[in-house]
Amino acid sequence: MKSLSLYLNFDGNCKEAFAHYSKVLKTKISETMTYAEAPPNSGMPDVGEKYQNRIMHCSIIINGTVAIMGSDVAGEFCQQFKPGNNYSISLDVENKKEADRLFAGMSEDGQAVMPLSKTFWGCYWGMCVDKFGIQWMISTPL
């Protein structure tokens, strides 16, 4: 396994939260992208005009190794948002075979939220919820 990160979801205040976290943790936001900045036909669900200015992805790196990443929920995912379930454990693994193995294991008797597939940001990526209710993101570079 290459890394394990924490991924946080927000209901429209991701930018504010990460500005606060970067200040408190004395680091900078290393990347940020809104839904409007995603390339067309990227395979991402259409979130509608209302959510275009929300954060699709951002991250901060602490001590050069620990990543906290986040996004705002948008579109159909807004209905599922509840404080307390707004996080995922993100696993970055070495290869597609390991990603497939981990995704199958974590989603067994759980739920595949977004099946593993190629993404516009250059990863093979997916989301699932395990049988204990823990949310996982699994990825590997293409």
N, C-alpha and C. Protein backbone atom coordinates (compact mmCIF):
# COMPACT_ATOMS: atom_id res chain seq x y z
N MET A 1 0.85 -1.18 0.00
CA MET A 1 0.00 0.00 0.00
C MET A 1 0.89 1.24 0.00
N LYS A 2 0.53 2.19 -0.85
CA LYS A 2 1.32 3.40 -0.95
C LYS A 2 0.99 4.40 0.15
N SER A 3 -0.31 4.61 0.41
CA SER A 3 -0.68 5.58 1.44
C SER A 3 -2.12 5.39 1.89
N LEU A 4 -2.41 5.95 3.04
CA LEU A 4 -3.75 5.98 3.61
C LEU A 4 -4.01 7.43 3.97
N SER A 5 -5.15 7.97 3.56
CA SER A 5 -5.50 9.37 3.81
C SER A 5 -6.92 9.45 4.34
N LEU A 6 -7.23 10.57 4.91
CA LEU A 6 -8.58 10.84 5.37
C LEU A 6 -9.25 11.77 4.35
N TYR A 7 -10.47 11.42 3.92
CA TYR A 7 -11.21 12.23 2.95
C TYR A 7 -12.48 12.72 3.62
N LEU A 8 -12.64 14.04 3.67
CA LEU A 8 -13.77 14.67 4.36
C LEU A 8 -14.75 15.26 3.35
N ASN A 9 -16.04 15.13 3.61
CA ASN A 9 -17.08 15.71 2.77
C ASN A 9 -17.81 16.80 3.54
N PHE A 10 -18.18 17.85 2.81
CA PHE A 10 -18.86 19.00 3.40
C PHE A 10 -20.09 19.34 2.59
N ASP A 11 -20.98 20.11 3.18
CA ASP A 11 -22.21 20.52 2.51
C ASP A 11 -22.12 21.99 2.10
N GLY A 12 -21.10 22.30 1.29
CA GLY A 12 -20.97 23.66 0.76
C GLY A 12 -19.93 24.52 1.46
N ASN A 13 -19.31 24.03 2.52
CA ASN A 13 -18.32 24.86 3.22
C ASN A 13 -16.92 24.23 3.24
N CYS A 14 -16.61 23.42 2.25
CA CYS A 14 -15.29 22.78 2.16
C CYS A 14 -14.18 23.83 2.07
N LYS A 15 -14.36 24.84 1.24
CA LYS A 15 -13.34 25.88 1.06
C LYS A 15 -13.04 26.56 2.39
N GLU A 16 -14.08 26.91 3.12
CA GLU A 16 -13.92 27.54 4.43
C GLU A 16 -13.22 26.61 5.42
N ALA A 17 -13.63 25.35 5.44
CA ALA A 17 -13.04 24.37 6.36
C ALA A 17 -11.56 24.18 6.08
N PHE A 18 -11.19 24.03 4.80
CA PHE A 18 -9.79 23.80 4.48
C PHE A 18 -8.94 25.05 4.69
N ALA A 19 -9.51 26.24 4.53
CA ALA A 19 -8.77 27.46 4.88
C ALA A 19 -8.46 27.45 6.37
N HIS A 20 -9.43 27.04 7.17
CA HIS A 20 -9.23 26.95 8.62
C HIS A 20 -8.18 25.89 8.96
N TYR A 21 -8.33 24.69 8.39
CA TYR A 21 -7.39 23.60 8.69
C TYR A 21 -5.96 23.97 8.29
N SER A 22 -5.80 24.60 7.12
CA SER A 22 -4.45 24.95 6.67
C SER A 22 -3.83 26.00 7.59
N LYS A 23 -4.65 26.91 8.09
CA LYS A 23 -4.14 27.92 9.03
C LYS A 23 -3.72 27.26 10.35
N VAL A 24 -4.59 26.45 10.92
CA VAL A 24 -4.31 25.81 12.20
C VAL A 24 -3.13 24.85 12.09
N LEU A 25 -3.06 24.09 10.99
CA LEU A 25 -2.01 23.09 10.81
C LEU A 25 -0.73 23.67 10.20
N LYS A 26 -0.75 24.98 9.94
CA LYS A 26 0.41 25.70 9.39
C LYS A 26 0.93 25.06 8.10
N THR A 27 0.01 24.89 7.17
CA THR A 27 0.35 24.36 5.86
C THR A 27 -0.50 25.09 4.82
N LYS A 28 -0.32 24.78 3.57
CA LYS A 28 -1.08 25.41 2.50
C LYS A 28 -1.99 24.39 1.83
N ILE A 29 -3.06 24.88 1.24
CA ILE A 29 -3.91 24.03 0.42
C ILE A 29 -3.10 23.71 -0.84
N SER A 30 -2.85 22.43 -1.08
CA SER A 30 -1.95 22.05 -2.18
C SER A 30 -2.65 21.96 -3.53
N GLU A 31 -3.94 21.70 -3.52
CA GLU A 31 -4.69 21.67 -4.78
C GLU A 31 -6.16 21.88 -4.49
N THR A 32 -6.86 22.46 -5.46
CA THR A 32 -8.29 22.65 -5.32
C THR A 32 -8.92 22.71 -6.71
N MET A 33 -10.12 22.16 -6.84
CA MET A 33 -10.85 22.16 -8.11
C MET A 33 -12.35 22.21 -7.81
N THR A 34 -13.07 23.06 -8.53
CA THR A 34 -14.52 23.10 -8.40
C THR A 34 -15.14 22.12 -9.40
N TYR A 35 -16.43 21.84 -9.21
CA TYR A 35 -17.13 20.98 -10.16
C TYR A 35 -17.13 21.62 -11.55
N ALA A 36 -17.20 22.95 -11.63
CA ALA A 36 -17.19 23.63 -12.92
C ALA A 36 -15.87 23.44 -13.66
N GLU A 37 -14.79 23.20 -12.93
CA GLU A 37 -13.47 23.03 -13.55
C GLU A 37 -13.20 21.62 -14.06
N ALA A 38 -14.10 20.68 -13.76
CA ALA A 38 -13.92 19.30 -14.26
C ALA A 38 -14.12 19.30 -15.77
N PRO A 39 -13.31 18.51 -16.47
CA PRO A 39 -13.47 18.47 -17.93
C PRO A 39 -14.83 17.90 -18.33
N PRO A 40 -15.38 18.35 -19.46
CA PRO A 40 -16.64 17.78 -19.93
C PRO A 40 -16.48 16.30 -20.28
N ASN A 41 -17.55 15.57 -20.17
CA ASN A 41 -17.56 14.13 -20.48
C ASN A 41 -16.50 13.37 -19.69
N SER A 42 -16.34 13.72 -18.42
CA SER A 42 -15.31 13.12 -17.59
C SER A 42 -15.75 11.82 -16.93
N GLY A 43 -17.02 11.47 -17.09
CA GLY A 43 -17.53 10.26 -16.45
C GLY A 43 -18.08 10.54 -15.05
N MET A 44 -17.94 11.75 -14.58
CA MET A 44 -18.47 12.13 -13.27
C MET A 44 -19.97 12.37 -13.41
N PRO A 45 -20.76 12.08 -12.36
CA PRO A 45 -22.20 12.35 -12.43
C PRO A 45 -22.45 13.86 -12.61
N ASP A 46 -23.49 14.20 -13.37
CA ASP A 46 -23.86 15.60 -13.54
C ASP A 46 -24.43 16.11 -12.23
N VAL A 47 -23.83 17.17 -11.68
CA VAL A 47 -24.30 17.69 -10.40
C VAL A 47 -25.23 18.88 -10.56
N GLY A 48 -25.44 19.32 -11.78
CA GLY A 48 -26.35 20.44 -12.02
C GLY A 48 -25.68 21.78 -11.82
N GLU A 49 -26.32 22.79 -12.36
CA GLU A 49 -25.79 24.16 -12.34
C GLU A 49 -25.64 24.70 -10.91
N LYS A 50 -26.54 24.32 -10.03
CA LYS A 50 -26.57 24.82 -8.66
C LYS A 50 -25.27 24.56 -7.89
N TYR A 51 -24.56 23.48 -8.24
CA TYR A 51 -23.39 23.06 -7.45
C TYR A 51 -22.05 23.32 -8.14
N GLN A 52 -22.05 23.98 -9.27
CA GLN A 52 -20.83 24.14 -10.06
C GLN A 52 -19.69 24.83 -9.31
N ASN A 53 -19.99 25.74 -8.40
CA ASN A 53 -18.94 26.46 -7.68
C ASN A 53 -18.52 25.78 -6.39
N ARG A 54 -19.10 24.64 -6.08
CA ARG A 54 -18.66 23.88 -4.90
C ARG A 54 -17.33 23.20 -5.20
N ILE A 55 -16.62 22.86 -4.15
CA ILE A 55 -15.31 22.22 -4.29
C ILE A 55 -15.50 20.73 -4.63
N MET A 56 -14.91 20.31 -5.75
CA MET A 56 -14.94 18.90 -6.14
C MET A 56 -13.79 18.14 -5.47
N HIS A 57 -12.66 18.82 -5.28
CA HIS A 57 -11.52 18.19 -4.61
C HIS A 57 -10.55 19.25 -4.13
N CYS A 58 -10.03 19.05 -2.93
CA CYS A 58 -8.92 19.86 -2.44
C CYS A 58 -8.12 19.01 -1.46
N SER A 59 -6.90 19.47 -1.17
CA SER A 59 -6.09 18.71 -0.23
C SER A 59 -5.06 19.59 0.45
N ILE A 60 -4.64 19.14 1.61
CA ILE A 60 -3.50 19.73 2.31
C ILE A 60 -2.58 18.57 2.71
N ILE A 61 -1.30 18.87 2.72
CA ILE A 61 -0.29 17.88 3.10
C ILE A 61 0.37 18.38 4.37
N ILE A 62 0.48 17.50 5.35
CA ILE A 62 1.08 17.84 6.64
C ILE A 62 2.40 17.10 6.76
N ASN A 63 3.45 17.81 7.09
CA ASN A 63 4.79 17.22 7.25
C ASN A 63 5.26 16.45 6.03
N GLY A 64 4.76 16.81 4.86
CA GLY A 64 5.20 16.19 3.63
C GLY A 64 4.68 14.78 3.38
N THR A 65 3.91 14.21 4.31
CA THR A 65 3.47 12.82 4.14
C THR A 65 2.00 12.56 4.41
N VAL A 66 1.39 13.29 5.31
CA VAL A 66 0.01 13.03 5.70
C VAL A 66 -0.93 13.92 4.89
N ALA A 67 -1.90 13.31 4.21
CA ALA A 67 -2.84 14.07 3.39
C ALA A 67 -4.22 14.07 4.03
N ILE A 68 -4.82 15.25 4.05
CA ILE A 68 -6.24 15.38 4.35
C ILE A 68 -6.85 15.96 3.09
N MET A 69 -7.82 15.24 2.54
CA MET A 69 -8.47 15.67 1.30
C MET A 69 -9.94 15.92 1.57
N GLY A 70 -10.58 16.67 0.69
CA GLY A 70 -11.99 16.95 0.91
C GLY A 70 -12.71 17.43 -0.32
N SER A 71 -14.04 17.48 -0.19
CA SER A 71 -14.90 17.99 -1.25
C SER A 71 -16.25 18.36 -0.66
N ASP A 72 -17.00 19.12 -1.44
CA ASP A 72 -18.39 19.40 -1.11
C ASP A 72 -19.27 18.36 -1.79
N VAL A 73 -20.30 17.90 -1.10
CA VAL A 73 -21.27 17.03 -1.76
C VAL A 73 -22.03 17.87 -2.78
N ALA A 74 -22.54 17.21 -3.80
CA ALA A 74 -23.27 17.92 -4.84
C ALA A 74 -24.26 16.96 -5.49
N GLY A 75 -25.28 17.53 -6.10
CA GLY A 75 -26.26 16.72 -6.82
C GLY A 75 -26.94 15.72 -5.91
N GLU A 76 -27.09 14.48 -6.40
CA GLU A 76 -27.80 13.44 -5.67
C GLU A 76 -27.13 13.07 -4.35
N PHE A 77 -25.84 13.36 -4.21
CA PHE A 77 -25.13 12.99 -2.98
C PHE A 77 -25.50 13.89 -1.80
N CYS A 78 -26.13 15.04 -2.07
CA CYS A 78 -26.56 15.94 -0.98
C CYS A 78 -27.58 15.26 -0.07
N GLN A 79 -28.42 14.41 -0.64
CA GLN A 79 -29.45 13.74 0.15
C GLN A 79 -28.86 12.78 1.16
N GLN A 80 -27.65 12.26 0.88
CA GLN A 80 -27.03 11.28 1.76
C GLN A 80 -26.15 11.93 2.83
N PHE A 81 -25.90 13.23 2.71
CA PHE A 81 -24.98 13.89 3.63
C PHE A 81 -25.58 14.02 5.02
N LYS A 82 -24.82 13.59 6.00
CA LYS A 82 -25.17 13.76 7.40
C LYS A 82 -23.88 13.98 8.15
N PRO A 83 -23.80 15.01 8.99
CA PRO A 83 -22.60 15.13 9.82
C PRO A 83 -22.41 13.83 10.60
N GLY A 84 -21.21 13.32 10.57
CA GLY A 84 -20.91 12.04 11.21
C GLY A 84 -20.64 10.94 10.20
N ASN A 85 -21.22 11.08 8.98
CA ASN A 85 -20.89 10.11 7.93
C ASN A 85 -20.15 10.80 6.79
N ASN A 86 -19.59 11.95 7.06
CA ASN A 86 -19.00 12.77 6.01
C ASN A 86 -17.48 12.58 5.88
N TYR A 87 -17.05 11.33 5.91
CA TYR A 87 -15.64 11.03 5.75
C TYR A 87 -15.49 9.69 5.03
N SER A 88 -14.33 9.47 4.48
CA SER A 88 -13.96 8.17 3.92
C SER A 88 -12.49 7.92 4.22
N ILE A 89 -12.14 6.67 4.32
CA ILE A 89 -10.74 6.30 4.40
C ILE A 89 -10.30 6.04 2.97
N SER A 90 -9.26 6.73 2.54
CA SER A 90 -8.79 6.63 1.17
C SER A 90 -7.50 5.82 1.12
N LEU A 91 -7.51 4.74 0.34
CA LEU A 91 -6.33 3.88 0.18
C LEU A 91 -5.78 4.06 -1.23
N ASP A 92 -4.52 4.45 -1.33
CA ASP A 92 -3.82 4.54 -2.60
C ASP A 92 -2.91 3.32 -2.69
N VAL A 93 -3.14 2.47 -3.67
CA VAL A 93 -2.42 1.20 -3.74
C VAL A 93 -1.53 1.14 -4.98
N GLU A 94 -0.72 0.09 -5.05
CA GLU A 94 0.32 -0.03 -6.07
C GLU A 94 -0.19 -0.32 -7.48
N ASN A 95 -1.29 -1.11 -7.61
CA ASN A 95 -1.70 -1.51 -8.95
C ASN A 95 -3.19 -1.86 -9.00
N LYS A 96 -3.68 -2.05 -10.22
CA LYS A 96 -5.09 -2.34 -10.46
C LYS A 96 -5.53 -3.64 -9.78
N LYS A 97 -4.69 -4.66 -9.82
CA LYS A 97 -5.03 -5.94 -9.22
C LYS A 97 -5.28 -5.77 -7.71
N GLU A 98 -4.42 -5.03 -7.04
CA GLU A 98 -4.59 -4.79 -5.60
C GLU A 98 -5.84 -3.94 -5.34
N ALA A 99 -6.09 -2.94 -6.20
CA ALA A 99 -7.30 -2.12 -6.06
C ALA A 99 -8.55 -2.98 -6.18
N ASP A 100 -8.57 -3.84 -7.19
CA ASP A 100 -9.72 -4.74 -7.38
C ASP A 100 -9.93 -5.64 -6.17
N ARG A 101 -8.84 -6.20 -5.64
CA ARG A 101 -8.93 -7.10 -4.48
C ARG A 101 -9.48 -6.36 -3.26
N LEU A 102 -8.94 -5.18 -2.99
CA LEU A 102 -9.39 -4.42 -1.82
C LEU A 102 -10.85 -3.97 -1.98
N PHE A 103 -11.21 -3.51 -3.18
CA PHE A 103 -12.58 -3.05 -3.41
C PHE A 103 -13.57 -4.20 -3.23
N ALA A 104 -13.24 -5.36 -3.77
CA ALA A 104 -14.12 -6.53 -3.63
C ALA A 104 -14.27 -6.90 -2.16
N GLY A 105 -13.18 -6.90 -1.43
CA GLY A 105 -13.23 -7.26 -0.02
C GLY A 105 -13.98 -6.26 0.82
N MET A 106 -13.73 -4.97 0.60
CA MET A 106 -14.39 -3.94 1.40
C MET A 106 -15.87 -3.82 1.08
N SER A 107 -16.25 -4.07 -0.16
CA SER A 107 -17.67 -3.94 -0.53
C SER A 107 -18.46 -5.22 -0.33
N GLU A 108 -17.78 -6.31 0.02
CA GLU A 108 -18.48 -7.58 0.26
C GLU A 108 -19.49 -7.41 1.39
N ASP A 109 -20.74 -7.75 1.15
CA ASP A 109 -21.85 -7.58 2.09
C ASP A 109 -22.08 -6.11 2.45
N GLY A 110 -21.50 -5.22 1.65
CA GLY A 110 -21.69 -3.78 1.82
C GLY A 110 -22.32 -3.21 0.57
N GLN A 111 -21.78 -2.09 0.08
CA GLN A 111 -22.36 -1.44 -1.09
C GLN A 111 -21.27 -0.77 -1.91
N ALA A 112 -21.25 -1.04 -3.21
CA ALA A 112 -20.38 -0.32 -4.14
C ALA A 112 -21.09 0.98 -4.50
N VAL A 113 -20.58 2.09 -4.05
CA VAL A 113 -21.19 3.40 -4.31
C VAL A 113 -20.83 3.88 -5.71
N MET A 114 -19.56 3.84 -6.04
CA MET A 114 -19.05 4.16 -7.37
C MET A 114 -18.05 3.07 -7.73
N PRO A 115 -18.40 2.15 -8.61
CA PRO A 115 -17.50 1.05 -8.95
C PRO A 115 -16.15 1.56 -9.46
N LEU A 116 -15.12 0.76 -9.27
CA LEU A 116 -13.80 1.12 -9.77
C LEU A 116 -13.85 1.36 -11.27
N SER A 117 -13.27 2.48 -11.71
CA SER A 117 -13.20 2.79 -13.14
C SER A 117 -12.10 3.82 -13.37
N LYS A 118 -11.73 3.99 -14.63
CA LYS A 118 -10.74 5.00 -15.00
C LYS A 118 -11.35 6.38 -14.82
N THR A 119 -10.55 7.33 -14.33
CA THR A 119 -11.02 8.69 -14.10
C THR A 119 -10.24 9.69 -14.95
N PHE A 120 -10.79 10.89 -15.10
CA PHE A 120 -10.10 11.93 -15.86
C PHE A 120 -8.85 12.43 -15.15
N TRP A 121 -8.73 12.17 -13.84
CA TRP A 121 -7.54 12.65 -13.13
C TRP A 121 -6.42 11.61 -13.11
N GLY A 122 -6.56 10.57 -13.92
CA GLY A 122 -5.47 9.64 -14.13
C GLY A 122 -5.38 8.50 -13.14
N CYS A 123 -6.49 8.15 -12.53
CA CYS A 123 -6.50 7.03 -11.57
C CYS A 123 -7.58 6.02 -11.94
N TYR A 124 -7.41 4.84 -11.43
CA TYR A 124 -8.43 3.80 -11.39
C TYR A 124 -8.99 3.93 -9.99
N TRP A 125 -10.26 4.34 -9.84
CA TRP A 125 -10.78 4.80 -8.56
C TRP A 125 -12.21 4.34 -8.34
N GLY A 126 -12.57 4.09 -7.08
CA GLY A 126 -13.93 3.75 -6.73
C GLY A 126 -14.23 4.01 -5.27
N MET A 127 -15.52 4.01 -4.93
CA MET A 127 -15.99 4.22 -3.56
C MET A 127 -16.93 3.10 -3.17
N CYS A 128 -16.83 2.67 -1.90
CA CYS A 128 -17.75 1.67 -1.39
C CYS A 128 -17.97 1.89 0.11
N VAL A 129 -18.99 1.24 0.62
CA VAL A 129 -19.28 1.24 2.05
C VAL A 129 -19.20 -0.21 2.50
N ASP A 130 -18.41 -0.47 3.54
CA ASP A 130 -18.29 -1.85 3.99
C ASP A 130 -19.49 -2.26 4.83
N LYS A 131 -19.55 -3.53 5.20
CA LYS A 131 -20.70 -4.06 5.93
C LYS A 131 -20.84 -3.47 7.33
N PHE A 132 -19.84 -2.72 7.77
CA PHE A 132 -19.89 -2.08 9.09
C PHE A 132 -20.26 -0.60 8.98
N GLY A 133 -20.51 -0.12 7.74
CA GLY A 133 -20.91 1.27 7.53
C GLY A 133 -19.76 2.24 7.32
N ILE A 134 -18.53 1.73 7.19
CA ILE A 134 -17.37 2.60 6.96
C ILE A 134 -17.21 2.83 5.47
N GLN A 135 -16.98 4.09 5.09
CA GLN A 135 -16.84 4.47 3.69
C GLN A 135 -15.37 4.41 3.28
N TRP A 136 -15.11 3.83 2.11
CA TRP A 136 -13.76 3.64 1.59
C TRP A 136 -13.65 4.22 0.18
N MET A 137 -12.49 4.79 -0.13
CA MET A 137 -12.11 5.18 -1.48
C MET A 137 -10.84 4.40 -1.79
N ILE A 138 -10.78 3.79 -2.95
CA ILE A 138 -9.62 3.00 -3.34
C ILE A 138 -9.16 3.47 -4.70
N SER A 139 -7.85 3.71 -4.84
CA SER A 139 -7.33 4.20 -6.11
C SER A 139 -5.92 3.70 -6.37
N THR A 140 -5.58 3.73 -7.66
CA THR A 140 -4.21 3.46 -8.10
C THR A 140 -4.00 4.24 -9.39
N PRO A 141 -2.77 4.71 -9.63
CA PRO A 141 -2.52 5.41 -10.89
C PRO A 141 -2.76 4.51 -12.09
N LEU A 142 -3.17 5.12 -13.19
CA LEU A 142 -3.37 4.36 -14.45
C LEU A 142 -2.02 4.01 -15.05
